[in-house]
Amino acid sequence: MRQKPDPFCDTRDYAKYLGRYADEGEGEPLSEDEFCRLQEELLDLLADRAAGGKLSPEERQRILELRRLLLSDI
């Protein structure tokens, strides 16, 4: 379990992830800490892109990978 709350990671987001995981997931689900870390990484990359930053091919690939891991549609 998480030791201290992350102000940028809502437990409701993790609960939604677990719901999507129950429907679509394979293997073991992410821990809440791992989920929060990966979600923050994804949001950082998306914010960079939204701010007009040019993403490298590796960063674009990482966004796809993070969306897959998080079962995300953002």
N, C-alpha and C. Protein backbone atom coordinates (compact mmCIF):
# COMPACT_ATOMS: atom_id res chain seq x y z
N MET A 1 0.84 -1.17 0.00
CA MET A 1 0.00 0.00 0.00
C MET A 1 0.89 1.24 0.00
N ARG A 2 0.36 2.33 -0.45
CA ARG A 2 1.12 3.57 -0.58
C ARG A 2 1.40 4.16 0.79
N GLN A 3 2.61 4.71 0.97
CA GLN A 3 3.00 5.26 2.25
C GLN A 3 2.51 6.68 2.45
N LYS A 4 2.55 7.51 1.41
CA LYS A 4 2.05 8.87 1.54
C LYS A 4 1.23 9.21 0.31
N PRO A 5 0.19 9.99 0.47
CA PRO A 5 -0.66 10.30 -0.68
C PRO A 5 0.06 11.15 -1.71
N ASP A 6 -0.19 10.86 -2.96
CA ASP A 6 0.35 11.63 -4.07
C ASP A 6 -0.72 12.63 -4.48
N PRO A 7 -0.43 13.92 -4.40
CA PRO A 7 -1.47 14.91 -4.69
C PRO A 7 -1.93 14.89 -6.15
N PHE A 8 -1.18 14.26 -7.02
CA PHE A 8 -1.53 14.23 -8.44
C PHE A 8 -2.15 12.91 -8.86
N CYS A 9 -2.32 12.00 -7.94
CA CYS A 9 -2.89 10.70 -8.27
C CYS A 9 -4.09 10.44 -7.36
N ASP A 10 -5.24 10.43 -7.97
CA ASP A 10 -6.49 10.25 -7.24
C ASP A 10 -6.79 8.76 -7.11
N THR A 11 -7.15 8.32 -5.93
CA THR A 11 -7.48 6.90 -5.73
C THR A 11 -8.66 6.49 -6.60
N ARG A 12 -9.50 7.44 -6.98
CA ARG A 12 -10.61 7.12 -7.88
C ARG A 12 -10.10 6.73 -9.26
N ASP A 13 -8.99 7.35 -9.70
CA ASP A 13 -8.38 6.96 -10.98
C ASP A 13 -7.90 5.52 -10.93
N TYR A 14 -7.29 5.15 -9.81
CA TYR A 14 -6.80 3.78 -9.66
C TYR A 14 -7.98 2.80 -9.61
N ALA A 15 -9.04 3.17 -8.93
CA ALA A 15 -10.22 2.31 -8.86
C ALA A 15 -10.82 2.10 -10.26
N LYS A 16 -10.86 3.16 -11.07
CA LYS A 16 -11.34 3.04 -12.45
C LYS A 16 -10.43 2.12 -13.25
N TYR A 17 -9.12 2.27 -13.05
CA TYR A 17 -8.16 1.38 -13.72
C TYR A 17 -8.45 -0.07 -13.35
N LEU A 18 -8.66 -0.34 -12.07
CA LEU A 18 -8.94 -1.72 -11.65
C LEU A 18 -10.21 -2.25 -12.30
N GLY A 19 -11.21 -1.39 -12.47
CA GLY A 19 -12.43 -1.80 -13.17
C GLY A 19 -12.15 -2.15 -14.62
N ARG A 20 -11.36 -1.30 -15.30
CA ARG A 20 -10.99 -1.60 -16.70
C ARG A 20 -10.15 -2.86 -16.75
N TYR A 21 -9.26 -3.02 -15.77
CA TYR A 21 -8.40 -4.20 -15.72
C TYR A 21 -9.23 -5.47 -15.58
N ALA A 22 -10.26 -5.43 -14.76
CA ALA A 22 -11.12 -6.60 -14.58
C ALA A 22 -11.78 -7.00 -15.90
N ASP A 23 -12.09 -6.02 -16.75
CA ASP A 23 -12.72 -6.29 -18.04
C ASP A 23 -11.72 -6.66 -19.13
N GLU A 24 -10.55 -6.00 -19.15
CA GLU A 24 -9.65 -6.11 -20.29
C GLU A 24 -8.23 -6.56 -19.97
N GLY A 25 -7.86 -6.55 -18.71
CA GLY A 25 -6.47 -6.76 -18.33
C GLY A 25 -6.00 -8.20 -18.44
N GLU A 26 -4.68 -8.33 -18.51
CA GLU A 26 -4.03 -9.63 -18.53
C GLU A 26 -2.90 -9.62 -17.52
N GLY A 27 -2.58 -10.77 -16.95
CA GLY A 27 -1.50 -10.84 -15.97
C GLY A 27 -1.91 -10.16 -14.68
N GLU A 28 -0.92 -9.68 -13.96
CA GLU A 28 -1.16 -9.00 -12.68
C GLU A 28 -1.43 -7.52 -12.92
N PRO A 29 -2.39 -6.93 -12.18
CA PRO A 29 -2.62 -5.49 -12.31
C PRO A 29 -1.45 -4.70 -11.72
N LEU A 30 -1.33 -3.46 -12.14
CA LEU A 30 -0.32 -2.57 -11.58
C LEU A 30 -0.66 -2.28 -10.12
N SER A 31 0.37 -2.09 -9.31
CA SER A 31 0.13 -1.61 -7.95
C SER A 31 -0.31 -0.15 -8.04
N GLU A 32 -0.89 0.35 -6.96
CA GLU A 32 -1.32 1.75 -6.97
C GLU A 32 -0.13 2.69 -7.17
N ASP A 33 1.00 2.38 -6.54
CA ASP A 33 2.20 3.22 -6.71
C ASP A 33 2.66 3.23 -8.16
N GLU A 34 2.72 2.04 -8.77
CA GLU A 34 3.16 1.93 -10.16
C GLU A 34 2.18 2.65 -11.08
N PHE A 35 0.89 2.46 -10.84
CA PHE A 35 -0.13 3.13 -11.63
C PHE A 35 0.09 4.64 -11.58
N CYS A 36 0.25 5.19 -10.38
CA CYS A 36 0.43 6.63 -10.22
C CYS A 36 1.68 7.13 -10.93
N ARG A 37 2.77 6.39 -10.80
CA ARG A 37 4.02 6.79 -11.46
C ARG A 37 3.86 6.81 -12.97
N LEU A 38 3.25 5.77 -13.53
CA LEU A 38 3.07 5.70 -14.98
C LEU A 38 2.06 6.73 -15.47
N GLN A 39 1.00 6.95 -14.70
CA GLN A 39 0.02 7.96 -15.09
C GLN A 39 0.66 9.34 -15.11
N GLU A 40 1.49 9.63 -14.13
CA GLU A 40 2.17 10.93 -14.10
C GLU A 40 3.10 11.08 -15.31
N GLU A 41 3.81 10.02 -15.65
CA GLU A 41 4.69 10.05 -16.83
C GLU A 41 3.87 10.32 -18.10
N LEU A 42 2.73 9.64 -18.25
CA LEU A 42 1.88 9.85 -19.41
C LEU A 42 1.38 11.28 -19.47
N LEU A 43 0.88 11.78 -18.35
CA LEU A 43 0.36 13.15 -18.33
C LEU A 43 1.44 14.17 -18.62
N ASP A 44 2.65 13.94 -18.15
CA ASP A 44 3.77 14.84 -18.45
C ASP A 44 4.05 14.88 -19.95
N LEU A 45 4.08 13.71 -20.59
CA LEU A 45 4.32 13.66 -22.03
C LEU A 45 3.19 14.33 -22.80
N LEU A 46 1.96 14.09 -22.39
CA LEU A 46 0.82 14.71 -23.07
C LEU A 46 0.82 16.23 -22.87
N ALA A 47 1.23 16.69 -21.70
CA ALA A 47 1.31 18.13 -21.45
C ALA A 47 2.38 18.76 -22.32
N ASP A 48 3.51 18.09 -22.47
CA ASP A 48 4.57 18.60 -23.35
C ASP A 48 4.05 18.74 -24.78
N ARG A 49 3.32 17.73 -25.24
CA ARG A 49 2.78 17.77 -26.60
C ARG A 49 1.74 18.88 -26.73
N ALA A 50 0.88 19.02 -25.73
CA ALA A 50 -0.16 20.05 -25.77
C ALA A 50 0.43 21.45 -25.74
N ALA A 51 1.59 21.60 -25.12
CA ALA A 51 2.24 22.91 -25.03
C ALA A 51 3.00 23.24 -26.31
N GLY A 52 2.87 22.39 -27.31
CA GLY A 52 3.51 22.66 -28.59
C GLY A 52 4.88 22.04 -28.73
N GLY A 53 5.27 21.24 -27.76
CA GLY A 53 6.56 20.57 -27.84
C GLY A 53 6.54 19.48 -28.89
N LYS A 54 7.68 19.30 -29.52
CA LYS A 54 7.79 18.23 -30.51
C LYS A 54 8.33 16.99 -29.82
N LEU A 55 7.56 15.92 -29.88
CA LEU A 55 7.97 14.68 -29.24
C LEU A 55 8.82 13.85 -30.19
N SER A 56 9.80 13.20 -29.61
CA SER A 56 10.65 12.30 -30.40
C SER A 56 9.86 11.04 -30.72
N PRO A 57 10.32 10.26 -31.69
CA PRO A 57 9.66 8.97 -31.96
C PRO A 57 9.61 8.08 -30.72
N GLU A 58 10.66 8.12 -29.90
CA GLU A 58 10.69 7.31 -28.68
C GLU A 58 9.61 7.78 -27.69
N GLU A 59 9.43 9.09 -27.59
CA GLU A 59 8.40 9.62 -26.69
C GLU A 59 7.00 9.27 -27.19
N ARG A 60 6.79 9.34 -28.51
CA ARG A 60 5.49 8.95 -29.06
C ARG A 60 5.22 7.47 -28.81
N GLN A 61 6.25 6.65 -28.96
CA GLN A 61 6.12 5.22 -28.69
C GLN A 61 5.83 4.98 -27.21
N ARG A 62 6.48 5.75 -26.35
CA ARG A 62 6.26 5.61 -24.91
C ARG A 62 4.82 5.96 -24.54
N ILE A 63 4.25 6.98 -25.18
CA ILE A 63 2.84 7.32 -24.92
C ILE A 63 1.95 6.13 -25.24
N LEU A 64 2.19 5.49 -26.37
CA LEU A 64 1.39 4.31 -26.75
C LEU A 64 1.55 3.19 -25.72
N GLU A 65 2.78 2.97 -25.28
CA GLU A 65 3.05 1.93 -24.29
C GLU A 65 2.36 2.24 -22.96
N LEU A 66 2.45 3.49 -22.53
CA LEU A 66 1.81 3.88 -21.27
C LEU A 66 0.29 3.74 -21.35
N ARG A 67 -0.28 4.15 -22.48
CA ARG A 67 -1.73 3.99 -22.65
C ARG A 67 -2.13 2.52 -22.56
N ARG A 68 -1.31 1.65 -23.15
CA ARG A 68 -1.60 0.22 -23.09
C ARG A 68 -1.50 -0.30 -21.66
N LEU A 69 -0.44 0.07 -20.95
CA LEU A 69 -0.24 -0.39 -19.58
C LEU A 69 -1.34 0.10 -18.64
N LEU A 70 -1.77 1.34 -18.86
CA LEU A 70 -2.77 1.96 -17.99
C LEU A 70 -4.20 1.66 -18.46
N LEU A 71 -4.33 0.95 -19.59
CA LEU A 71 -5.64 0.67 -20.18
C LEU A 71 -6.39 1.98 -20.36
N SER A 72 -5.68 2.98 -20.87
CA SER A 72 -6.16 4.34 -20.93
C SER A 72 -6.67 4.70 -22.32
N ASP A 73 -7.66 5.57 -22.37
CA ASP A 73 -8.14 6.08 -23.66
C ASP A 73 -7.81 7.56 -23.83
N ILE A 74 -6.96 8.11 -22.95
CA ILE A 74 -6.55 9.52 -23.12
C ILE A 74 -5.31 9.61 -23.96
